[in-house]
PDB file of all heavy atoms in Angstrom:
ATOM      1  N   PRO A   1      -6.030  -7.504 -16.908  1.00  0.00           N
ATOM      2  CA  PRO A   1      -6.013  -8.621 -17.861  1.00  0.00           C
ATOM      3  C   PRO A   1      -4.877  -8.497 -18.862  1.00  0.00           C
ATOM      4  O   PRO A   1      -4.670  -7.439 -19.457  1.00  0.00           O
ATOM      5  CB  PRO A   1      -7.375  -8.517 -18.550  1.00  0.00           C
ATOM      6  CG  PRO A   1      -8.247  -7.844 -17.542  1.00  0.00           C
ATOM      7  CD  PRO A   1      -7.354  -6.863 -16.847  1.00  0.00           C
ATOM      8  N   GLY A   2      -4.137  -9.580 -19.042  1.00  0.00           N
ATOM      9  CA  GLY A   2      -3.043  -9.603 -19.994  1.00  0.00           C
ATOM     10  C   GLY A   2      -1.755  -8.983 -19.510  1.00  0.00           C
ATOM     11  O   GLY A   2      -0.764  -8.989 -20.245  1.00  0.00           O
ATOM     12  N   LEU A   3      -1.745  -8.449 -18.301  1.00  0.00           N
ATOM     13  CA  LEU A   3      -0.562  -7.802 -17.758  1.00  0.00           C
ATOM     14  C   LEU A   3      -0.056  -8.543 -16.534  1.00  0.00           C
ATOM     15  O   LEU A   3      -0.786  -9.311 -15.906  1.00  0.00           O
ATOM     16  CB  LEU A   3      -0.860  -6.344 -17.396  1.00  0.00           C
ATOM     17  CG  LEU A   3      -1.321  -5.434 -18.534  1.00  0.00           C
ATOM     18  CD1 LEU A   3      -1.599  -4.033 -18.012  1.00  0.00           C
ATOM     19  CD2 LEU A   3      -0.288  -5.394 -19.643  1.00  0.00           C
ATOM     20  N   GLU A   4       1.188  -8.285 -16.194  1.00  0.00           N
ATOM     21  CA  GLU A   4       1.766  -8.871 -15.001  1.00  0.00           C
ATOM     22  C   GLU A   4       1.188  -8.217 -13.753  1.00  0.00           C
ATOM     23  O   GLU A   4       0.776  -7.060 -13.773  1.00  0.00           O
ATOM     24  CB  GLU A   4       3.283  -8.695 -14.997  1.00  0.00           C
ATOM     25  CG  GLU A   4       4.019  -9.467 -16.068  1.00  0.00           C
ATOM     26  CD  GLU A   4       5.519  -9.307 -15.955  1.00  0.00           C
ATOM     27  OE1 GLU A   4       5.973  -8.305 -15.380  1.00  0.00           O
ATOM     28  OE2 GLU A   4       6.237 -10.191 -16.433  1.00  0.00           O
ATOM     29  N   ARG A   5       1.178  -8.966 -12.684  1.00  0.00           N
ATOM     30  CA  ARG A   5       0.810  -8.392 -11.412  1.00  0.00           C
ATOM     31  C   ARG A   5       1.897  -7.417 -10.969  1.00  0.00           C
ATOM     32  O   ARG A   5       3.090  -7.735 -11.042  1.00  0.00           O
ATOM     33  CB  ARG A   5       0.629  -9.486 -10.363  1.00  0.00           C
ATOM     34  CG  ARG A   5       0.103  -8.986  -9.037  1.00  0.00           C
ATOM     35  CD  ARG A   5      -0.207 -10.142  -8.090  1.00  0.00           C
ATOM     36  NE  ARG A   5      -1.230 -11.020  -8.631  1.00  0.00           N
ATOM     37  CZ  ARG A   5      -1.732 -12.069  -7.996  1.00  0.00           C
ATOM     38  NH1 ARG A   5      -1.298 -12.370  -6.777  1.00  0.00           N
ATOM     39  NH2 ARG A   5      -2.655 -12.816  -8.569  1.00  0.00           N
ATOM     40  N   GLU A   6       1.489  -6.241 -10.551  1.00  0.00           N
ATOM     41  CA  GLU A   6       2.457  -5.234 -10.155  1.00  0.00           C
ATOM     42  C   GLU A   6       2.230  -4.786  -8.715  1.00  0.00           C
ATOM     43  O   GLU A   6       1.098  -4.725  -8.231  1.00  0.00           O
ATOM     44  CB  GLU A   6       2.410  -4.021 -11.094  1.00  0.00           C
ATOM     45  CG  GLU A   6       1.112  -3.236 -11.053  1.00  0.00           C
ATOM     46  CD  GLU A   6       1.162  -1.964 -11.872  1.00  0.00           C
ATOM     47  OE1 GLU A   6       2.277  -1.484 -12.188  1.00  0.00           O
ATOM     48  OE2 GLU A   6       0.083  -1.426 -12.198  1.00  0.00           O
ATOM     49  N   TRP A   7       3.309  -4.455  -8.068  1.00  0.00           N
ATOM     50  CA  TRP A   7       3.260  -3.939  -6.721  1.00  0.00           C
ATOM     51  C   TRP A   7       2.766  -2.498  -6.726  1.00  0.00           C
ATOM     52  O   TRP A   7       3.141  -1.706  -7.587  1.00  0.00           O
ATOM     53  CB  TRP A   7       4.659  -4.013  -6.098  1.00  0.00           C
ATOM     54  CG  TRP A   7       4.813  -3.236  -4.841  1.00  0.00           C
ATOM     55  CD1 TRP A   7       4.314  -3.550  -3.612  1.00  0.00           C
ATOM     56  CD2 TRP A   7       5.519  -2.004  -4.688  1.00  0.00           C
ATOM     57  NE1 TRP A   7       4.678  -2.584  -2.691  1.00  0.00           N
ATOM     58  CE2 TRP A   7       5.418  -1.638  -3.333  1.00  0.00           C
ATOM     59  CE3 TRP A   7       6.238  -1.188  -5.565  1.00  0.00           C
ATOM     60  CZ2 TRP A   7       6.011  -0.478  -2.836  1.00  0.00           C
ATOM     61  CZ3 TRP A   7       6.830  -0.041  -5.073  1.00  0.00           C
ATOM     62  CH2 TRP A   7       6.709   0.302  -3.728  1.00  0.00           C
ATOM     63  N   VAL A   8       1.938  -2.170  -5.755  1.00  0.00           N
ATOM     64  CA  VAL A   8       1.353  -0.840  -5.655  1.00  0.00           C
ATOM     65  C   VAL A   8       1.858  -0.093  -4.427  1.00  0.00           C
ATOM     66  O   VAL A   8       2.319   1.041  -4.529  1.00  0.00           O
ATOM     67  CB  VAL A   8      -0.189  -0.911  -5.621  1.00  0.00           C
ATOM     68  CG1 VAL A   8      -0.796   0.466  -5.379  1.00  0.00           C
ATOM     69  CG2 VAL A   8      -0.718  -1.500  -6.928  1.00  0.00           C
ATOM     70  N   ALA A   9       1.754  -0.717  -3.257  1.00  0.00           N
ATOM     71  CA  ALA A   9       2.115  -0.044  -2.017  1.00  0.00           C
ATOM     72  C   ALA A   9       2.379  -1.073  -0.933  1.00  0.00           C
ATOM     73  O   ALA A   9       1.860  -2.189  -0.984  1.00  0.00           O
ATOM     74  CB  ALA A   9       1.006   0.914  -1.567  1.00  0.00           C
ATOM     75  N   SER A  10       3.179  -0.685   0.057  1.00  0.00           N
ATOM     76  CA  SER A  10       3.496  -1.553   1.182  1.00  0.00           C
ATOM     77  C   SER A  10       3.522  -0.753   2.467  1.00  0.00           C
ATOM     78  O   SER A  10       3.841   0.439   2.465  1.00  0.00           O
ATOM     79  CB  SER A  10       4.854  -2.231   1.004  1.00  0.00           C
ATOM     80  OG  SER A  10       4.875  -3.074  -0.122  1.00  0.00           O
ATOM     81  N   ILE A  11       3.201  -1.425   3.544  1.00  0.00           N
ATOM     82  CA  ILE A  11       3.392  -0.867   4.873  1.00  0.00           C
ATOM     83  C   ILE A  11       4.038  -1.941   5.733  1.00  0.00           C
ATOM     84  O   ILE A  11       3.601  -3.089   5.755  1.00  0.00           O
ATOM     85  CB  ILE A  11       2.071  -0.351   5.485  1.00  0.00           C
ATOM     86  CG1 ILE A  11       2.340   0.326   6.831  1.00  0.00           C
ATOM     87  CG2 ILE A  11       1.031  -1.454   5.609  1.00  0.00           C
ATOM     88  CD1 ILE A  11       1.165   1.160   7.337  1.00  0.00           C
ATOM     89  N   PHE A  12       5.105  -1.567   6.423  1.00  0.00           N
ATOM     90  CA  PHE A  12       5.841  -2.501   7.244  1.00  0.00           C
ATOM     91  C   PHE A  12       5.404  -2.390   8.702  1.00  0.00           C
ATOM     92  O   PHE A  12       4.728  -1.434   9.087  1.00  0.00           O
ATOM     93  CB  PHE A  12       7.346  -2.244   7.105  1.00  0.00           C
ATOM     94  CG  PHE A  12       7.853  -2.505   5.724  1.00  0.00           C
ATOM     95  CD1 PHE A  12       7.811  -1.522   4.752  1.00  0.00           C
ATOM     96  CD2 PHE A  12       8.359  -3.751   5.379  1.00  0.00           C
ATOM     97  CE1 PHE A  12       8.264  -1.755   3.468  1.00  0.00           C
ATOM     98  CE2 PHE A  12       8.819  -4.005   4.099  1.00  0.00           C
ATOM     99  CZ  PHE A  12       8.768  -2.999   3.148  1.00  0.00           C
ATOM    100  N   VAL A  13       5.787  -3.369   9.488  1.00  0.00           N
ATOM    101  CA  VAL A  13       5.366  -3.401  10.880  1.00  0.00           C
ATOM    102  C   VAL A  13       5.837  -2.150  11.624  1.00  0.00           C
ATOM    103  O   VAL A  13       5.201  -1.726  12.590  1.00  0.00           O
ATOM    104  CB  VAL A  13       5.860  -4.691  11.571  1.00  0.00           C
ATOM    105  CG1 VAL A  13       7.378  -4.678  11.731  1.00  0.00           C
ATOM    106  CG2 VAL A  13       5.164  -4.893  12.905  1.00  0.00           C
ATOM    107  N   THR A  14       6.906  -1.547  11.161  1.00  0.00           N
ATOM    108  CA  THR A  14       7.414  -0.319  11.751  1.00  0.00           C
ATOM    109  C   THR A  14       6.561   0.898  11.411  1.00  0.00           C
ATOM    110  O   THR A  14       6.718   1.948  12.025  1.00  0.00           O
ATOM    111  CB  THR A  14       8.846  -0.046  11.280  1.00  0.00           C
ATOM    112  OG1 THR A  14       8.860   0.070   9.853  1.00  0.00           O
ATOM    113  CG2 THR A  14       9.772  -1.171  11.704  1.00  0.00           C
ATOM    114  N   GLY A  15       5.707   0.771  10.423  1.00  0.00           N
ATOM    115  CA  GLY A  15       4.916   1.882   9.950  1.00  0.00           C
ATOM    116  C   GLY A  15       5.443   2.522   8.686  1.00  0.00           C
ATOM    117  O   GLY A  15       4.775   3.382   8.103  1.00  0.00           O
ATOM    118  N   THR A  16       6.614   2.133   8.263  1.00  0.00           N
ATOM    119  CA  THR A  16       7.191   2.652   7.031  1.00  0.00           C
ATOM    120  C   THR A  16       6.328   2.263   5.836  1.00  0.00           C
ATOM    121  O   THR A  16       5.867   1.123   5.738  1.00  0.00           O
ATOM    122  CB  THR A  16       8.612   2.125   6.839  1.00  0.00           C
ATOM    123  OG1 THR A  16       9.429   2.560   7.931  1.00  0.00           O
ATOM    124  CG2 THR A  16       9.214   2.622   5.532  1.00  0.00           C
ATOM    125  N   THR A  17       6.120   3.198   4.938  1.00  0.00           N
ATOM    126  CA  THR A  17       5.321   2.949   3.744  1.00  0.00           C
ATOM    127  C   THR A  17       6.124   3.231   2.487  1.00  0.00           C
ATOM    128  O   THR A  17       7.042   4.052   2.481  1.00  0.00           O
ATOM    129  CB  THR A  17       4.047   3.810   3.731  1.00  0.00           C
ATOM    130  OG1 THR A  17       4.407   5.196   3.741  1.00  0.00           O
ATOM    131  CG2 THR A  17       3.178   3.507   4.941  1.00  0.00           C
ATOM    132  N   ASN A  18       5.755   2.548   1.414  1.00  0.00           N
ATOM    133  CA  ASN A  18       6.363   2.753   0.110  1.00  0.00           C
ATOM    134  C   ASN A  18       5.296   2.643  -0.958  1.00  0.00           C
ATOM    135  O   ASN A  18       4.328   1.899  -0.805  1.00  0.00           O
ATOM    136  CB  ASN A  18       7.468   1.732  -0.161  1.00  0.00           C
ATOM    137  CG  ASN A  18       8.696   1.954   0.690  1.00  0.00           C
ATOM    138  OD1 ASN A  18       9.478   2.860   0.438  1.00  0.00           O
ATOM    139  ND2 ASN A  18       8.870   1.127   1.703  1.00  0.00           N
ATOM    140  N   PHE A  19       5.504   3.370  -2.066  1.00  0.00           N
ATOM    141  CA  PHE A  19       4.528   3.407  -3.138  1.00  0.00           C
ATOM    142  C   PHE A  19       5.207   3.273  -4.486  1.00  0.00           C
ATOM    143  O   PHE A  19       6.321   3.758  -4.691  1.00  0.00           O
ATOM    144  CB  PHE A  19       3.738   4.715  -3.116  1.00  0.00           C
ATOM    145  CG  PHE A  19       2.983   4.943  -1.847  1.00  0.00           C
ATOM    146  CD1 PHE A  19       3.559   5.624  -0.795  1.00  0.00           C
ATOM    147  CD2 PHE A  19       1.697   4.468  -1.700  1.00  0.00           C
ATOM    148  CE1 PHE A  19       2.866   5.833   0.386  1.00  0.00           C
ATOM    149  CE2 PHE A  19       0.993   4.666  -0.529  1.00  0.00           C
ATOM    150  CZ  PHE A  19       1.577   5.347   0.517  1.00  0.00           C
ATOM    151  N   ALA A  20       4.504   2.634  -5.408  1.00  0.00           N
ATOM    152  CA  ALA A  20       4.962   2.604  -6.781  1.00  0.00           C
ATOM    153  C   ALA A  20       4.873   4.001  -7.381  1.00  0.00           C
ATOM    154  O   ALA A  20       3.993   4.791  -7.026  1.00  0.00           O
ATOM    155  CB  ALA A  20       4.126   1.627  -7.601  1.00  0.00           C
ATOM    156  N   ASP A  21       5.779   4.306  -8.301  1.00  0.00           N
ATOM    157  CA  ASP A  21       5.785   5.626  -8.917  1.00  0.00           C
ATOM    158  C   ASP A  21       4.449   5.955  -9.587  1.00  0.00           C
ATOM    159  O   ASP A  21       4.030   7.116  -9.608  1.00  0.00           O
ATOM    160  CB  ASP A  21       6.904   5.733  -9.942  1.00  0.00           C
ATOM    161  CG  ASP A  21       8.277   5.799  -9.307  1.00  0.00           C
ATOM    162  OD1 ASP A  21       8.375   6.109  -8.104  1.00  0.00           O
ATOM    163  OD2 ASP A  21       9.262   5.545 -10.020  1.00  0.00           O
ATOM    164  N   SER A  22       3.788   4.951 -10.126  1.00  0.00           N
ATOM    165  CA  SER A  22       2.558   5.181 -10.859  1.00  0.00           C
ATOM    166  C   SER A  22       1.410   5.671  -9.978  1.00  0.00           C
ATOM    167  O   SER A  22       0.444   6.241 -10.491  1.00  0.00           O
ATOM    168  CB  SER A  22       2.126   3.902 -11.586  1.00  0.00           C
ATOM    169  OG  SER A  22       1.943   2.839 -10.668  1.00  0.00           O
ATOM    170  N   VAL A  23       1.507   5.451  -8.676  1.00  0.00           N
ATOM    171  CA  VAL A  23       0.428   5.850  -7.777  1.00  0.00           C
ATOM    172  C   VAL A  23       0.873   6.854  -6.733  1.00  0.00           C
ATOM    173  O   VAL A  23       0.033   7.355  -5.972  1.00  0.00           O
ATOM    174  CB  VAL A  23      -0.207   4.627  -7.079  1.00  0.00           C
ATOM    175  CG1 VAL A  23      -0.657   3.602  -8.106  1.00  0.00           C
ATOM    176  CG2 VAL A  23       0.769   4.003  -6.085  1.00  0.00           C
ATOM    177  N   LYS A  24       2.137   7.161  -6.693  1.00  0.00           N
ATOM    178  CA  LYS A  24       2.665   8.077  -5.688  1.00  0.00           C
ATOM    179  C   LYS A  24       1.979   9.435  -5.787  1.00  0.00           C
ATOM    180  O   LYS A  24       1.838   9.997  -6.872  1.00  0.00           O
ATOM    181  CB  LYS A  24       4.175   8.214  -5.867  1.00  0.00           C
ATOM    182  CG  LYS A  24       4.898   8.823  -4.679  1.00  0.00           C
ATOM    183  CD  LYS A  24       6.415   8.728  -4.870  1.00  0.00           C
ATOM    184  CE  LYS A  24       6.873   7.281  -4.954  1.00  0.00           C
ATOM    185  NZ  LYS A  24       8.352   7.173  -5.102  1.00  0.00           N
ATOM    186  N   GLY A  25       1.552   9.936  -4.647  1.00  0.00           N
ATOM    187  CA  GLY A  25       0.844  11.197  -4.610  1.00  0.00           C
ATOM    188  C   GLY A  25      -0.648  11.070  -4.756  1.00  0.00           C
ATOM    189  O   GLY A  25      -1.378  12.033  -4.495  1.00  0.00           O
ATOM    190  N   ARG A  26      -1.130   9.909  -5.173  1.00  0.00           N
ATOM    191  CA  ARG A  26      -2.558   9.680  -5.338  1.00  0.00           C
ATOM    192  C   ARG A  26      -3.092   8.643  -4.355  1.00  0.00           C
ATOM    193  O   ARG A  26      -4.232   8.750  -3.915  1.00  0.00           O
ATOM    194  CB  ARG A  26      -2.872   9.221  -6.764  1.00  0.00           C
ATOM    195  CG  ARG A  26      -2.504  10.234  -7.833  1.00  0.00           C
ATOM    196  CD  ARG A  26      -3.016   9.803  -9.203  1.00  0.00           C
ATOM    197  NE  ARG A  26      -2.402   8.557  -9.650  1.00  0.00           N
ATOM    198  CZ  ARG A  26      -3.078   7.447  -9.945  1.00  0.00           C
ATOM    199  NH1 ARG A  26      -4.407   7.432  -9.844  1.00  0.00           N
ATOM    200  NH2 ARG A  26      -2.440   6.359 -10.369  1.00  0.00           N
ATOM    201  N   PHE A  27      -2.290   7.641  -4.051  1.00  0.00           N
ATOM    202  CA  PHE A  27      -2.708   6.563  -3.159  1.00  0.00           C
ATOM    203  C   PHE A  27      -2.003   6.694  -1.818  1.00  0.00           C
ATOM    204  O   PHE A  27      -0.853   7.154  -1.739  1.00  0.00           O
ATOM    205  CB  PHE A  27      -2.354   5.191  -3.748  1.00  0.00           C
ATOM    206  CG  PHE A  27      -3.140   4.786  -4.965  1.00  0.00           C
ATOM    207  CD1 PHE A  27      -3.941   5.674  -5.655  1.00  0.00           C
ATOM    208  CD2 PHE A  27      -3.055   3.473  -5.426  1.00  0.00           C
ATOM    209  CE1 PHE A  27      -4.655   5.294  -6.781  1.00  0.00           C
ATOM    210  CE2 PHE A  27      -3.759   3.070  -6.543  1.00  0.00           C
ATOM    211  CZ  PHE A  27      -4.556   3.970  -7.223  1.00  0.00           C
ATOM    212  N   THR A  28      -2.677   6.264  -0.770  1.00  0.00           N
ATOM    213  CA  THR A  28      -2.060   6.153   0.536  1.00  0.00           C
ATOM    214  C   THR A  28      -2.398   4.799   1.139  1.00  0.00           C
ATOM    215  O   THR A  28      -3.459   4.233   0.862  1.00  0.00           O
ATOM    216  CB  THR A  28      -2.503   7.275   1.495  1.00  0.00           C
ATOM    217  OG1 THR A  28      -3.929   7.241   1.644  1.00  0.00           O
ATOM    218  CG2 THR A  28      -2.083   8.635   0.976  1.00  0.00           C
ATOM    219  N   ILE A  29      -1.491   4.283   1.945  1.00  0.00           N
ATOM    220  CA  ILE A  29      -1.721   3.035   2.652  1.00  0.00           C
ATOM    221  C   ILE A  29      -1.667   3.331   4.143  1.00  0.00           C
ATOM    222  O   ILE A  29      -0.820   4.098   4.608  1.00  0.00           O
ATOM    223  CB  ILE A  29      -0.699   1.953   2.235  1.00  0.00           C
ATOM    224  CG1 ILE A  29      -1.055   0.596   2.844  1.00  0.00           C
ATOM    225  CG2 ILE A  29       0.725   2.359   2.579  1.00  0.00           C
ATOM    226  CD1 ILE A  29      -0.242  -0.559   2.250  1.00  0.00           C
ATOM    227  N   SER A  30      -2.580   2.735   4.888  1.00  0.00           N
ATOM    228  CA  SER A  30      -2.650   2.977   6.315  1.00  0.00           C
ATOM    229  C   SER A  30      -3.146   1.719   7.016  1.00  0.00           C
ATOM    230  O   SER A  30      -3.529   0.742   6.364  1.00  0.00           O
ATOM    231  CB  SER A  30      -3.564   4.168   6.626  1.00  0.00           C
ATOM    232  OG  SER A  30      -4.886   3.927   6.176  1.00  0.00           O
ATOM    233  N   ARG A  31      -3.155   1.748   8.329  1.00  0.00           N
ATOM    234  CA  ARG A  31      -3.564   0.574   9.089  1.00  0.00           C
ATOM    235  C   ARG A  31      -4.391   0.966  10.297  1.00  0.00           C
ATOM    236  O   ARG A  31      -4.271   2.070  10.835  1.00  0.00           O
ATOM    237  CB  ARG A  31      -2.336  -0.223   9.537  1.00  0.00           C
ATOM    238  CG  ARG A  31      -1.430   0.542  10.502  1.00  0.00           C
ATOM    239  CD  ARG A  31      -0.117  -0.174  10.722  1.00  0.00           C
ATOM    240  NE  ARG A  31       0.741   0.552  11.659  1.00  0.00           N
ATOM    241  CZ  ARG A  31       2.013   0.283  11.868  1.00  0.00           C
ATOM    242  NH1 ARG A  31       2.600  -0.712  11.201  1.00  0.00           N
ATOM    243  NH2 ARG A  31       2.713   0.994  12.739  1.00  0.00           N
ATOM    244  N   ASP A  32      -5.225   0.035  10.723  1.00  0.00           N
ATOM    245  CA  ASP A  32      -6.013   0.160  11.940  1.00  0.00           C
ATOM    246  C   ASP A  32      -5.769  -1.120  12.721  1.00  0.00           C
ATOM    247  O   ASP A  32      -6.365  -2.158  12.432  1.00  0.00           O
ATOM    248  CB  ASP A  32      -7.488   0.349  11.616  1.00  0.00           C
ATOM    249  CG  ASP A  32      -8.338   0.592  12.852  1.00  0.00           C
ATOM    250  OD1 ASP A  32      -7.916   0.224  13.966  1.00  0.00           O
ATOM    251  OD2 ASP A  32      -9.438   1.154  12.703  1.00  0.00           O
ATOM    252  N   SER A  33      -4.898  -1.055  13.707  1.00  0.00           N
ATOM    253  CA  SER A  33      -4.502  -2.262  14.425  1.00  0.00           C
ATOM    254  C   SER A  33      -5.663  -2.888  15.194  1.00  0.00           C
ATOM    255  O   SER A  33      -5.726  -4.111  15.340  1.00  0.00           O
ATOM    256  CB  SER A  33      -3.352  -1.943  15.383  1.00  0.00           C
ATOM    257  OG  SER A  33      -3.725  -0.959  16.325  1.00  0.00           O
ATOM    258  N   ALA A  34      -6.590  -2.056  15.684  1.00  0.00           N
ATOM    259  CA  ALA A  34      -7.728  -2.577  16.432  1.00  0.00           C
ATOM    260  C   ALA A  34      -8.621  -3.455  15.571  1.00  0.00           C
ATOM    261  O   ALA A  34      -9.329  -4.325  16.088  1.00  0.00           O
ATOM    262  CB  ALA A  34      -8.536  -1.433  17.026  1.00  0.00           C
ATOM    263  N   LYS A  35      -8.607  -3.234  14.270  1.00  0.00           N
ATOM    264  CA  LYS A  35      -9.435  -3.999  13.343  1.00  0.00           C
ATOM    265  C   LYS A  35      -8.632  -4.995  12.518  1.00  0.00           C
ATOM    266  O   LYS A  35      -9.191  -5.644  11.634  1.00  0.00           O
ATOM    267  CB  LYS A  35     -10.191  -3.057  12.409  1.00  0.00           C
ATOM    268  CG  LYS A  35     -11.160  -2.128  13.115  1.00  0.00           C
ATOM    269  CD  LYS A  35     -11.868  -1.217  12.123  1.00  0.00           C
ATOM    270  CE  LYS A  35     -12.857  -0.308  12.825  1.00  0.00           C
ATOM    271  NZ  LYS A  35     -13.550   0.602  11.870  1.00  0.00           N
ATOM    272  N   ASN A  36      -7.337  -5.113  12.794  1.00  0.00           N
ATOM    273  CA  ASN A  36      -6.457  -5.989  12.012  1.00  0.00           C
ATOM    274  C   ASN A  36      -6.579  -5.702  10.522  1.00  0.00           C
ATOM    275  O   ASN A  36      -6.590  -6.616   9.697  1.00  0.00           O
ATOM    276  CB  ASN A  36      -6.774  -7.466  12.275  1.00  0.00           C
ATOM    277  CG  ASN A  36      -6.443  -7.902  13.679  1.00  0.00           C
ATOM    278  OD1 ASN A  36      -5.754  -7.213  14.418  1.00  0.00           O
ATOM    279  ND2 ASN A  36      -6.947  -9.078  14.053  1.00  0.00           N
ATOM    280  N   THR A  37      -6.644  -4.434  10.183  1.00  0.00           N
ATOM    281  CA  THR A  37      -6.989  -4.047   8.822  1.00  0.00           C
ATOM    282  C   THR A  37      -5.996  -3.039   8.256  1.00  0.00           C
ATOM    283  O   THR A  37      -5.550  -2.128   8.956  1.00  0.00           O
ATOM    284  CB  THR A  37      -8.409  -3.460   8.775  1.00  0.00           C
ATOM    285  OG1 THR A  37      -9.343  -4.462   9.182  1.00  0.00           O
ATOM    286  CG2 THR A  37      -8.772  -2.996   7.374  1.00  0.00           C
ATOM    287  N   VAL A  38      -5.679  -3.229   6.991  1.00  0.00           N
ATOM    288  CA  VAL A  38      -4.877  -2.288   6.218  1.00  0.00           C
ATOM    289  C   VAL A  38      -5.750  -1.718   5.112  1.00  0.00           C
ATOM    290  O   VAL A  38      -6.551  -2.442   4.510  1.00  0.00           O
ATOM    291  CB  VAL A  38      -3.622  -2.963   5.644  1.00  0.00           C
ATOM    292  CG1 VAL A  38      -2.927  -2.057   4.638  1.00  0.00           C
ATOM    293  CG2 VAL A  38      -2.665  -3.324   6.768  1.00  0.00           C
ATOM    294  N   TYR A  39      -5.590  -0.432   4.846  1.00  0.00           N
ATOM    295  CA  TYR A  39      -6.399   0.259   3.858  1.00  0.00           C
ATOM    296  C   TYR A  39      -5.538   0.778   2.720  1.00  0.00           C
ATOM    297  O   TYR A  39      -4.364   1.098   2.899  1.00  0.00           O
ATOM    298  CB  TYR A  39      -7.138   1.439   4.485  1.00  0.00           C
ATOM    299  CG  TYR A  39      -8.023   1.069   5.643  1.00  0.00           C
ATOM    300  CD1 TYR A  39      -7.576   1.200   6.946  1.00  0.00           C
ATOM    301  CD2 TYR A  39      -9.306   0.590   5.420  1.00  0.00           C
ATOM    302  CE1 TYR A  39      -8.389   0.864   8.012  1.00  0.00           C
ATOM    303  CE2 TYR A  39     -10.126   0.252   6.484  1.00  0.00           C
ATOM    304  CZ  TYR A  39      -9.667   0.391   7.778  1.00  0.00           C
ATOM    305  OH  TYR A  39     -10.475   0.049   8.833  1.00  0.00           O
ATOM    306  N   LEU A  40      -6.146   0.872   1.558  1.00  0.00           N
ATOM    307  CA  LEU A  40      -5.551   1.569   0.438  1.00  0.00           C
ATOM    308  C   LEU A  40      -6.535   2.644  -0.008  1.00  0.00           C
ATOM    309  O   LEU A  40      -7.590   2.327  -0.565  1.00  0.00           O
ATOM    310  CB  LEU A  40      -5.240   0.622  -0.723  1.00  0.00           C
ATOM    311  CG  LEU A  40      -4.536   1.260  -1.918  1.00  0.00           C
ATOM    312  CD1 LEU A  40      -3.103   1.660  -1.538  1.00  0.00           C
ATOM    313  CD2 LEU A  40      -4.518   0.318  -3.114  1.00  0.00           C
TER     314      LEU A  40
END
């Protein structure tokens, strides 16, 4: 509330992932193609 929306993490179709500095080392992003699902 009261703050801008900020980017946290991304995963590309190649599997490459990126993380914001504020969450790096604590958050991970992954995918399950069989379930059409991405996890944080």
